[in-house]
Amino acid sequence: MRTALLQSSGRPGSTVENLKVLDEAAGRAAAAGAGLLAAPEMFLTGYAIGDDIARLAEPADGDCADAIAETATRHGLAIAYGYPERAGDTVFNSAQLISADGTRLANYRKTHLFGCFERDHFTAGNQPVVQAELDGLRVGILICYDVEFPENVRAHALAGTDLLVVPTAQMHPFQFVAESMIPVRAFENQMYVAYVNRVGREGEFEFVGLSTLAGPDGVARTRAGRAEELVLADVDPAFLAASREANPYLRDRRPGLYGPLV
């Protein structure tokens, strides 16, 4: 499945403009043969927007979700995107996957909040593994900081995730995560990892770009630079199966030894 990563911070504070950016990117991705378009963490509203997070937060089945479902259907590809999710009085940092026919397939709430900014504006989710079937692949979702905890990605590996989609807001000076950690996570867990970042300065943060899709051999199939960009790469189920057969990490685990870790 060809996968497109939209490296962009959109237009912080405007869901209307961000829906337009997403629609334009979906058109380009579909024209290039993509079956999935992934957008960054909090793409729908912007990340560093303070109290506007709560004002712009919507339910998982809100108006913007309907608009993105229409975009997915019109362009004929699935879309994964980050947004602030309102559930009653609670706001989560969430990511949603919508299929090419407009069906909401999966909704994930970030489980590991990063820094005071996120803890001030969000409640942490408590479901570590969220997955959906898409074009013969088992797709899982994490958000940014979540992927930096090896336990999270290993849980996805044990649950059979083939492609882990990670909307992110990775900031300076932590670019080593995109450059080094993501390929290692893909290799040690025998999966593809699509890590799609924001870019440029936003409020107090400077997002570093470097979006990447890494394969189970630890090799980046595509890597963006430091500017707004749409990059594409293929997720190959046959290569994944062969890699899993050759790599013994998951088979050689000894869970009985790991109890003290938790």
C-alpha atoms as a PDB file:
ATOM      1  CA  MET A   1       0.000   0.000   0.000  1.00  0.00           C
ATOM      2  CA  ARG A   2       1.463   3.298  -1.030  1.00  0.00           C
ATOM      3  CA  THR A   3       1.470   5.625   1.949  1.00  0.00           C
ATOM      4  CA  ALA A   4       1.708   9.415   1.805  1.00  0.00           C
ATOM      5  CA  LEU A   5       3.011  11.508   4.695  1.00  0.00           C
ATOM      6  CA  LEU A   6       1.847  15.121   4.823  1.00  0.00           C
ATOM      7  CA  GLN A   7       4.598  17.055   6.599  1.00  0.00           C
ATOM      8  CA  SER A   8       2.879  20.320   7.438  1.00  0.00           C
ATOM      9  CA  SER A   9       1.718  22.406  10.367  1.00  0.00           C
ATOM     10  CA  GLY A  10      -1.252  23.559   8.352  1.00  0.00           C
ATOM     11  CA  ARG A  11      -2.814  26.817   9.475  1.00  0.00           C
ATOM     12  CA  PRO A  12      -2.851  26.815  13.293  1.00  0.00           C
ATOM     13  CA  GLY A  13      -6.149  27.958  14.751  1.00  0.00           C
ATOM     14  CA  SER A  14      -8.277  27.368  11.631  1.00  0.00           C
ATOM     15  CA  THR A  15      -9.989  24.040  11.059  1.00  0.00           C
ATOM     16  CA  VAL A  16     -11.481  25.427   7.836  1.00  0.00           C
ATOM     17  CA  GLU A  17      -8.061  26.128   6.348  1.00  0.00           C
ATOM     18  CA  ASN A  18      -6.594  22.873   7.597  1.00  0.00           C
ATOM     19  CA  LEU A  19      -9.408  20.907   5.976  1.00  0.00           C
ATOM     20  CA  LYS A  20      -8.515  22.663   2.717  1.00  0.00           C
ATOM     21  CA  VAL A  21      -4.815  21.774   3.124  1.00  0.00           C
ATOM     22  CA  LEU A  22      -5.747  18.163   3.817  1.00  0.00           C
ATOM     23  CA  ASP A  23      -8.061  18.015   0.810  1.00  0.00           C
ATOM     24  CA  GLU A  24      -5.367  19.374  -1.516  1.00  0.00           C
ATOM     25  CA  ALA A  25      -2.828  16.882  -0.153  1.00  0.00           C
ATOM     26  CA  ALA A  26      -5.313  14.031  -0.532  1.00  0.00           C
ATOM     27  CA  GLY A  27      -5.730  14.915  -4.188  1.00  0.00           C
ATOM     28  CA  ARG A  28      -1.971  14.842  -4.771  1.00  0.00           C
ATOM     29  CA  ALA A  29      -1.529  11.630  -2.797  1.00  0.00           C
ATOM     30  CA  ALA A  30      -4.333   9.866  -4.657  1.00  0.00           C
ATOM     31  CA  ALA A  31      -2.907  10.974  -8.008  1.00  0.00           C
ATOM     32  CA  ALA A  32       0.390   9.355  -6.977  1.00  0.00           C
ATOM     33  CA  GLY A  33      -1.359   6.073  -6.206  1.00  0.00           C
ATOM     34  CA  ALA A  34      -1.513   6.322  -2.410  1.00  0.00           C
ATOM     35  CA  GLY A  35      -4.031   4.262  -0.476  1.00  0.00           C
ATOM     36  CA  LEU A  36      -3.372   6.107   2.798  1.00  0.00           C
ATOM     37  CA  LEU A  37      -2.592   9.725   3.658  1.00  0.00           C
ATOM     38  CA  ALA A  38      -1.257  10.437   7.160  1.00  0.00           C
ATOM     39  CA  ALA A  39      -1.200  13.936   8.682  1.00  0.00           C
ATOM     40  CA  PRO A  40       0.611  15.103  11.860  1.00  0.00           C
ATOM     41  CA  GLU A  41      -0.420  15.353  15.487  1.00  0.00           C
ATOM     42  CA  MET A  42      -3.135  17.951  16.096  1.00  0.00           C
ATOM     43  CA  PHE A  43      -3.205  18.743  12.382  1.00  0.00           C
ATOM     44  CA  LEU A  44      -6.883  19.655  12.365  1.00  0.00           C
ATOM     45  CA  THR A  45      -6.492  22.647  14.694  1.00  0.00           C
ATOM     46  CA  GLY A  46      -2.810  23.355  15.229  1.00  0.00           C
ATOM     47  CA  TYR A  47      -0.730  22.297  18.218  1.00  0.00           C
ATOM     48  CA  ALA A  48       0.513  25.406  20.076  1.00  0.00           C
ATOM     49  CA  ILE A  49      -2.825  27.209  20.185  1.00  0.00           C
ATOM     50  CA  GLY A  50      -3.355  27.378  23.957  1.00  0.00           C
ATOM     51  CA  ASP A  51      -6.940  27.584  25.150  1.00  0.00           C
ATOM     52  CA  ASP A  52      -8.188  27.318  21.568  1.00  0.00           C
ATOM     53  CA  ILE A  53      -7.515  23.601  21.924  1.00  0.00           C
ATOM     54  CA  ALA A  54     -10.555  23.246  24.156  1.00  0.00           C
ATOM     55  CA  ARG A  55     -12.612  25.656  22.045  1.00  0.00           C
ATOM     56  CA  LEU A  56     -11.923  23.787  18.793  1.00  0.00           C
ATOM     57  CA  ALA A  57     -12.084  20.247  20.184  1.00  0.00           C
ATOM     58  CA  GLU A  58     -14.763  18.051  18.609  1.00  0.00           C
ATOM     59  CA  PRO A  59     -16.181  14.571  19.202  1.00  0.00           C
ATOM     60  CA  ALA A  60     -14.703  11.751  17.135  1.00  0.00           C
ATOM     61  CA  ASP A  61     -17.856  11.830  14.994  1.00  0.00           C
ATOM     62  CA  GLY A  62     -18.014  15.632  14.760  1.00  0.00           C
ATOM     63  CA  ASP A  63     -18.410  17.929  11.781  1.00  0.00           C
ATOM     64  CA  CYS A  64     -14.716  17.872  10.872  1.00  0.00           C
ATOM     65  CA  ALA A  65     -14.666  14.075  10.920  1.00  0.00           C
ATOM     66  CA  ASP A  66     -17.582  14.154   8.490  1.00  0.00           C
ATOM     67  CA  ALA A  67     -15.713  16.602   6.264  1.00  0.00           C
ATOM     68  CA  ILE A  68     -12.596  14.400   6.261  1.00  0.00           C
ATOM     69  CA  ALA A  69     -14.725  11.341   5.490  1.00  0.00           C
ATOM     70  CA  GLU A  70     -16.083  13.202   2.468  1.00  0.00           C
ATOM     71  CA  THR A  71     -12.538  14.082   1.392  1.00  0.00           C
ATOM     72  CA  ALA A  72     -11.440  10.459   1.760  1.00  0.00           C
ATOM     73  CA  THR A  73     -14.382   9.217  -0.283  1.00  0.00           C
ATOM     74  CA  ARG A  74     -13.985  11.809  -3.020  1.00  0.00           C
ATOM     75  CA  HIS A  75     -10.282  11.061  -3.488  1.00  0.00           C
ATOM     76  CA  GLY A  76     -10.538   7.320  -2.849  1.00  0.00           C
ATOM     77  CA  LEU A  77      -7.956   6.903  -0.089  1.00  0.00           C
ATOM     78  CA  ALA A  78      -7.862   6.436   3.671  1.00  0.00           C
ATOM     79  CA  ILE A  79      -6.839   9.370   5.890  1.00  0.00           C
ATOM     80  CA  ALA A  80      -5.236   9.366   9.348  1.00  0.00           C
ATOM     81  CA  TYR A  81      -5.036  12.701  11.169  1.00  0.00           C
ATOM     82  CA  GLY A  82      -4.446  14.205  14.596  1.00  0.00           C
ATOM     83  CA  TYR A  83      -7.009  16.373  16.381  1.00  0.00           C
ATOM     84  CA  PRO A  84      -8.258  17.416  19.845  1.00  0.00           C
ATOM     85  CA  GLU A  85     -11.128  15.118  20.769  1.00  0.00           C
ATOM     86  CA  ARG A  86     -13.881  16.268  23.098  1.00  0.00           C
ATOM     87  CA  ALA A  87     -15.704  13.649  25.149  1.00  0.00           C
ATOM     88  CA  GLY A  88     -18.032  15.485  27.518  1.00  0.00           C
ATOM     89  CA  ASP A  89     -15.856  17.816  29.593  1.00  0.00           C
ATOM     90  CA  THR A  90     -12.673  15.915  28.759  1.00  0.00           C
ATOM     91  CA  VAL A  91     -10.262  16.699  25.912  1.00  0.00           C
ATOM     92  CA  PHE A  92      -7.892  14.082  24.506  1.00  0.00           C
ATOM     93  CA  ASN A  93      -4.988  14.408  22.074  1.00  0.00           C
ATOM     94  CA  SER A  94      -6.312  11.948  19.503  1.00  0.00           C
ATOM     95  CA  ALA A  95      -5.743  10.521  16.055  1.00  0.00           C
ATOM     96  CA  GLN A  96      -8.391   9.023  13.831  1.00  0.00           C
ATOM     97  CA  LEU A  97      -8.273   6.723  10.798  1.00  0.00           C
ATOM     98  CA  ILE A  98     -11.014   7.037   8.196  1.00  0.00           C
ATOM     99  CA  SER A  99     -11.300   4.597   5.291  1.00  0.00           C
ATOM    100  CA  ALA A 100     -11.617   5.396   1.600  1.00  0.00           C
ATOM    101  CA  ASP A 101     -15.379   4.805   1.836  1.00  0.00           C
ATOM    102  CA  GLY A 102     -15.716   7.289   4.696  1.00  0.00           C
ATOM    103  CA  THR A 103     -15.978   4.772   7.537  1.00  0.00           C
ATOM    104  CA  ARG A 104     -14.335   5.748  10.831  1.00  0.00           C
ATOM    105  CA  LEU A 105     -12.071   2.736  11.397  1.00  0.00           C
ATOM    106  CA  ALA A 106     -10.108   3.630  14.528  1.00  0.00           C
ATOM    107  CA  ASN A 107      -9.721   6.404  17.069  1.00  0.00           C
ATOM    108  CA  TYR A 108      -6.729   6.534  19.417  1.00  0.00           C
ATOM    109  CA  ARG A 109      -6.149   8.779  22.450  1.00  0.00           C
ATOM    110  CA  LYS A 110      -2.523   9.625  23.274  1.00  0.00           C
ATOM    111  CA  THR A 111      -1.482   7.663  26.352  1.00  0.00           C
ATOM    112  CA  HIS A 112       1.811   9.420  27.207  1.00  0.00           C
ATOM    113  CA  LEU A 113       1.499  13.202  27.385  1.00  0.00           C
ATOM    114  CA  PHE A 114       4.669  15.225  26.844  1.00  0.00           C
ATOM    115  CA  GLY A 115       5.539  18.154  29.094  1.00  0.00           C
ATOM    116  CA  CYS A 116       3.488  20.707  30.968  1.00  0.00           C
ATOM    117  CA  PHE A 117       1.814  22.046  27.838  1.00  0.00           C
ATOM    118  CA  GLU A 118       0.117  18.754  27.025  1.00  0.00           C
ATOM    119  CA  ARG A 119      -0.679  17.881  30.638  1.00  0.00           C
ATOM    120  CA  ASP A 120      -2.333  21.291  31.034  1.00  0.00           C
ATOM    121  CA  HIS A 121      -4.600  20.820  28.003  1.00  0.00           C
ATOM    122  CA  PHE A 122      -5.286  17.094  27.665  1.00  0.00           C
ATOM    123  CA  THR A 123      -6.260  13.990  29.580  1.00  0.00           C
ATOM    124  CA  ALA A 124      -4.208  10.888  28.829  1.00  0.00           C
ATOM    125  CA  GLY A 125      -5.899   7.956  27.136  1.00  0.00           C
ATOM    126  CA  ASN A 126      -5.687   4.473  28.607  1.00  0.00           C
ATOM    127  CA  GLN A 127      -6.040   2.095  25.634  1.00  0.00           C
ATOM    128  CA  PRO A 128      -2.494   1.248  24.472  1.00  0.00           C
ATOM    129  CA  VAL A 129      -3.273  -0.705  21.303  1.00  0.00           C
ATOM    130  CA  VAL A 130      -5.790   0.546  18.757  1.00  0.00           C
ATOM    131  CA  GLN A 131      -5.858  -1.151  15.345  1.00  0.00           C
ATOM    132  CA  ALA A 132      -7.900  -1.461  12.173  1.00  0.00           C
ATOM    133  CA  GLU A 133      -7.749  -3.569   9.027  1.00  0.00           C
ATOM    134  CA  LEU A 134      -6.942  -1.570   5.907  1.00  0.00           C
ATOM    135  CA  ASP A 135      -6.275  -3.044   2.464  1.00  0.00           C
ATOM    136  CA  GLY A 136      -5.064  -6.321   3.941  1.00  0.00           C
ATOM    137  CA  LEU A 137      -2.814  -4.650   6.511  1.00  0.00           C
ATOM    138  CA  ARG A 138      -3.304  -4.360  10.248  1.00  0.00           C
ATOM    139  CA  VAL A 139      -2.783  -0.668  10.950  1.00  0.00           C
ATOM    140  CA  GLY A 140      -2.068   0.614  14.453  1.00  0.00           C
ATOM    141  CA  ILE A 141      -1.873   4.158  15.792  1.00  0.00           C
ATOM    142  CA  LEU A 142       0.361   5.872  18.338  1.00  0.00           C
ATOM    143  CA  ILE A 143       0.992   9.609  18.765  1.00  0.00           C
ATOM    144  CA  CYS A 144       4.433  11.236  19.020  1.00  0.00           C
ATOM    145  CA  TYR A 145       5.859  10.668  22.537  1.00  0.00           C
ATOM    146  CA  ASP A 146       4.071   7.300  22.727  1.00  0.00           C
ATOM    147  CA  VAL A 147       6.474   5.752  20.200  1.00  0.00           C
ATOM    148  CA  GLU A 148       9.467   6.656  22.367  1.00  0.00           C
ATOM    149  CA  PHE A 149       8.361   4.051  24.922  1.00  0.00           C
ATOM    150  CA  PRO A 150       9.504   0.657  23.612  1.00  0.00           C
ATOM    151  CA  GLU A 151       6.724  -1.080  25.530  1.00  0.00           C
ATOM    152  CA  ASN A 152       4.091   0.661  23.404  1.00  0.00           C
ATOM    153  CA  VAL A 153       5.541  -0.448  20.089  1.00  0.00           C
ATOM    154  CA  ARG A 154       6.232  -3.976  21.351  1.00  0.00           C
ATOM    155  CA  ALA A 155       2.593  -4.237  22.427  1.00  0.00           C
ATOM    156  CA  HIS A 156       1.626  -3.417  18.844  1.00  0.00           C
ATOM    157  CA  ALA A 157       4.081  -5.992  17.506  1.00  0.00           C
ATOM    158  CA  LEU A 158       2.597  -8.685  19.739  1.00  0.00           C
ATOM    159  CA  ALA A 159      -0.895  -7.674  18.602  1.00  0.00           C
ATOM    160  CA  GLY A 160       0.118  -8.114  14.960  1.00  0.00           C
ATOM    161  CA  THR A 161       0.385  -4.525  13.777  1.00  0.00           C
ATOM    162  CA  ASP A 162       1.868  -4.378  10.259  1.00  0.00           C
ATOM    163  CA  LEU A 163       1.956  -0.607   9.804  1.00  0.00           C
ATOM    164  CA  LEU A 164       2.197   1.717  12.799  1.00  0.00           C
ATOM    165  CA  VAL A 165       1.027   5.247  11.954  1.00  0.00           C
ATOM    166  CA  VAL A 166       2.467   7.893  14.282  1.00  0.00           C
ATOM    167  CA  PRO A 167       1.193  11.468  13.872  1.00  0.00           C
ATOM    168  CA  THR A 168       3.723  13.601  15.707  1.00  0.00           C
ATOM    169  CA  ALA A 169       4.743  17.083  16.789  1.00  0.00           C
ATOM    170  CA  GLN A 170       8.457  16.401  17.209  1.00  0.00           C
ATOM    171  CA  MET A 171      10.379  19.494  18.197  1.00  0.00           C
ATOM    172  CA  HIS A 172      13.961  20.706  18.443  1.00  0.00           C
ATOM    173  CA  PRO A 173      16.294  19.388  19.896  1.00  0.00           C
ATOM    174  CA  PHE A 174      14.844  15.875  19.713  1.00  0.00           C
ATOM    175  CA  GLN A 175      15.307  15.227  15.989  1.00  0.00           C
ATOM    176  CA  PHE A 176      17.305  12.075  16.793  1.00  0.00           C
ATOM    177  CA  VAL A 177      13.940  10.375  17.339  1.00  0.00           C
ATOM    178  CA  ALA A 178      13.047  10.729  13.666  1.00  0.00           C
ATOM    179  CA  GLU A 179      16.580  10.116  12.470  1.00  0.00           C
ATOM    180  CA  SER A 180      17.551   7.125  14.624  1.00  0.00           C
ATOM    181  CA  MET A 181      14.832   5.829  16.926  1.00  0.00           C
ATOM    182  CA  ILE A 182      12.069   5.290  14.383  1.00  0.00           C
ATOM    183  CA  PRO A 183      14.107   2.958  12.112  1.00  0.00           C
ATOM    184  CA  VAL A 184      15.183   1.004  15.212  1.00  0.00           C
ATOM    185  CA  ARG A 185      11.581   0.694  16.430  1.00  0.00           C
ATOM    186  CA  ALA A 186      10.597  -0.660  13.005  1.00  0.00           C
ATOM    187  CA  PHE A 187      13.459  -3.181  13.006  1.00  0.00           C
ATOM    188  CA  GLU A 188      13.179  -4.464  16.565  1.00  0.00           C
ATOM    189  CA  ASN A 189       9.409  -4.932  16.225  1.00  0.00           C
ATOM    190  CA  GLN A 190       9.307  -6.111  12.601  1.00  0.00           C
ATOM    191  CA  MET A 191       6.791  -3.635  11.233  1.00  0.00           C
ATOM    192  CA  TYR A 192       6.568  -0.524   9.100  1.00  0.00           C
ATOM    193  CA  VAL A 193       6.449   2.766  11.019  1.00  0.00           C
ATOM    194  CA  ALA A 194       5.078   5.922   9.404  1.00  0.00           C
ATOM    195  CA  TYR A 195       6.170   8.910  11.480  1.00  0.00           C
ATOM    196  CA  VAL A 196       4.636  12.145  10.188  1.00  0.00           C
ATOM    197  CA  ASN A 197       5.681  15.440  11.733  1.00  0.00           C
ATOM    198  CA  ARG A 198       4.794  19.092  11.902  1.00  0.00           C
ATOM    199  CA  VAL A 199       7.360  21.589  10.629  1.00  0.00           C
ATOM    200  CA  GLY A 200       8.494  25.133  11.393  1.00  0.00           C
ATOM    201  CA  ARG A 201       7.972  27.429  14.364  1.00  0.00           C
ATOM    202  CA  GLU A 202       4.668  27.475  16.191  1.00  0.00           C
ATOM    203  CA  GLY A 203       4.358  29.397  19.429  1.00  0.00           C
ATOM    204  CA  GLU A 204       7.230  28.373  21.714  1.00  0.00           C
ATOM    205  CA  PHE A 205       7.995  25.244  19.689  1.00  0.00           C
ATOM    206  CA  GLU A 206      10.152  24.602  16.628  1.00  0.00           C
ATOM    207  CA  PHE A 207       9.060  21.446  14.832  1.00  0.00           C
ATOM    208  CA  VAL A 208      11.835  19.662  12.979  1.00  0.00           C
ATOM    209  CA  GLY A 209      10.055  17.846  10.130  1.00  0.00           C
ATOM    210  CA  LEU A 210      12.088  14.780   9.055  1.00  0.00           C
ATOM    211  CA  SER A 211       8.936  12.673   8.571  1.00  0.00           C
ATOM    212  CA  THR A 212       9.847   9.128   7.653  1.00  0.00           C
ATOM    213  CA  LEU A 213       8.452   5.740   6.768  1.00  0.00           C
ATOM    214  CA  ALA A 214      10.813   3.036   8.026  1.00  0.00           C
ATOM    215  CA  GLY A 215      10.669  -0.631   7.075  1.00  0.00           C
ATOM    216  CA  PRO A 216      11.182  -3.797   9.145  1.00  0.00           C
ATOM    217  CA  ASP A 217      14.803  -3.886   7.946  1.00  0.00           C
ATOM    218  CA  GLY A 218      15.442  -0.583   9.733  1.00  0.00           C
ATOM    219  CA  VAL A 219      15.801   1.304   6.450  1.00  0.00           C
ATOM    220  CA  ALA A 220      13.912   4.541   5.785  1.00  0.00           C
ATOM    221  CA  ARG A 221      11.836   4.157   2.633  1.00  0.00           C
ATOM    222  CA  THR A 222      11.332   7.897   2.471  1.00  0.00           C
ATOM    223  CA  ARG A 223      12.409  10.863   4.573  1.00  0.00           C
ATOM    224  CA  ALA A 224      11.258  14.458   4.355  1.00  0.00           C
ATOM    225  CA  GLY A 225      13.466  17.474   4.974  1.00  0.00           C
ATOM    226  CA  ARG A 226      12.754  20.546   7.109  1.00  0.00           C
ATOM    227  CA  ALA A 227      10.061  22.178   4.926  1.00  0.00           C
ATOM    228  CA  GLU A 228       6.399  21.472   4.148  1.00  0.00           C
ATOM    229  CA  GLU A 229       6.384  18.417   1.946  1.00  0.00           C
ATOM    230  CA  LEU A 230       4.370  15.389   0.817  1.00  0.00           C
ATOM    231  CA  VAL A 231       6.473  12.222   0.686  1.00  0.00           C
ATOM    232  CA  LEU A 232       5.419   8.731  -0.371  1.00  0.00           C
ATOM    233  CA  ALA A 233       6.650   5.176   0.088  1.00  0.00           C
ATOM    234  CA  ASP A 234       5.266   1.666  -0.276  1.00  0.00           C
ATOM    235  CA  VAL A 235       4.351  -0.753   2.508  1.00  0.00           C
ATOM    236  CA  ASP A 236       5.032  -4.218   1.072  1.00  0.00           C
ATOM    237  CA  PRO A 237       3.267  -7.137   2.844  1.00  0.00           C
ATOM    238  CA  ALA A 238       5.446  -9.738   1.081  1.00  0.00           C
ATOM    239  CA  PHE A 239       8.655  -8.051   2.218  1.00  0.00           C
ATOM    240  CA  LEU A 240       7.247  -7.761   5.731  1.00  0.00           C
ATOM    241  CA  ALA A 241       6.411 -11.470   5.860  1.00  0.00           C
ATOM    242  CA  ALA A 242       9.886 -12.429   4.640  1.00  0.00           C
ATOM    243  CA  SER A 243      11.529 -10.100   7.138  1.00  0.00           C
ATOM    244  CA  ARG A 244       9.527 -11.534  10.013  1.00  0.00           C
ATOM    245  CA  GLU A 245      10.489 -15.039   8.979  1.00  0.00           C
ATOM    246  CA  ALA A 246      14.183 -14.127   8.945  1.00  0.00           C
ATOM    247  CA  ASN A 247      14.266 -11.989  12.096  1.00  0.00           C
ATOM    248  CA  PRO A 248      13.987 -13.927  15.403  1.00  0.00           C
ATOM    249  CA  TYR A 249      13.361 -11.075  17.856  1.00  0.00           C
ATOM    250  CA  LEU A 250       9.723 -11.838  18.577  1.00  0.00           C
ATOM    251  CA  ARG A 251      10.235 -15.609  18.554  1.00  0.00           C
ATOM    252  CA  ASP A 252      13.223 -15.418  20.904  1.00  0.00           C
ATOM    253  CA  ARG A 253      11.510 -13.357  23.588  1.00  0.00           C
ATOM    254  CA  ARG A 254      11.426 -14.817  27.118  1.00  0.00           C
ATOM    255  CA  PRO A 255       8.397 -13.144  28.736  1.00  0.00           C
ATOM    256  CA  GLY A 256       8.906 -15.047  31.977  1.00  0.00           C
ATOM    257  CA  LEU A 257      12.008 -12.957  32.621  1.00  0.00           C
ATOM    258  CA  TYR A 258      10.329  -9.603  32.123  1.00  0.00           C
ATOM    259  CA  GLY A 259       7.959  -9.468  35.100  1.00  0.00           C
ATOM    260  CA  PRO A 260      10.202  -7.145  37.196  1.00  0.00           C
ATOM    261  CA  LEU A 261      10.063  -4.573  34.396  1.00  0.00           C
ATOM    262  CA  VAL A 262       6.417  -3.854  35.164  1.00  0.00           C
END
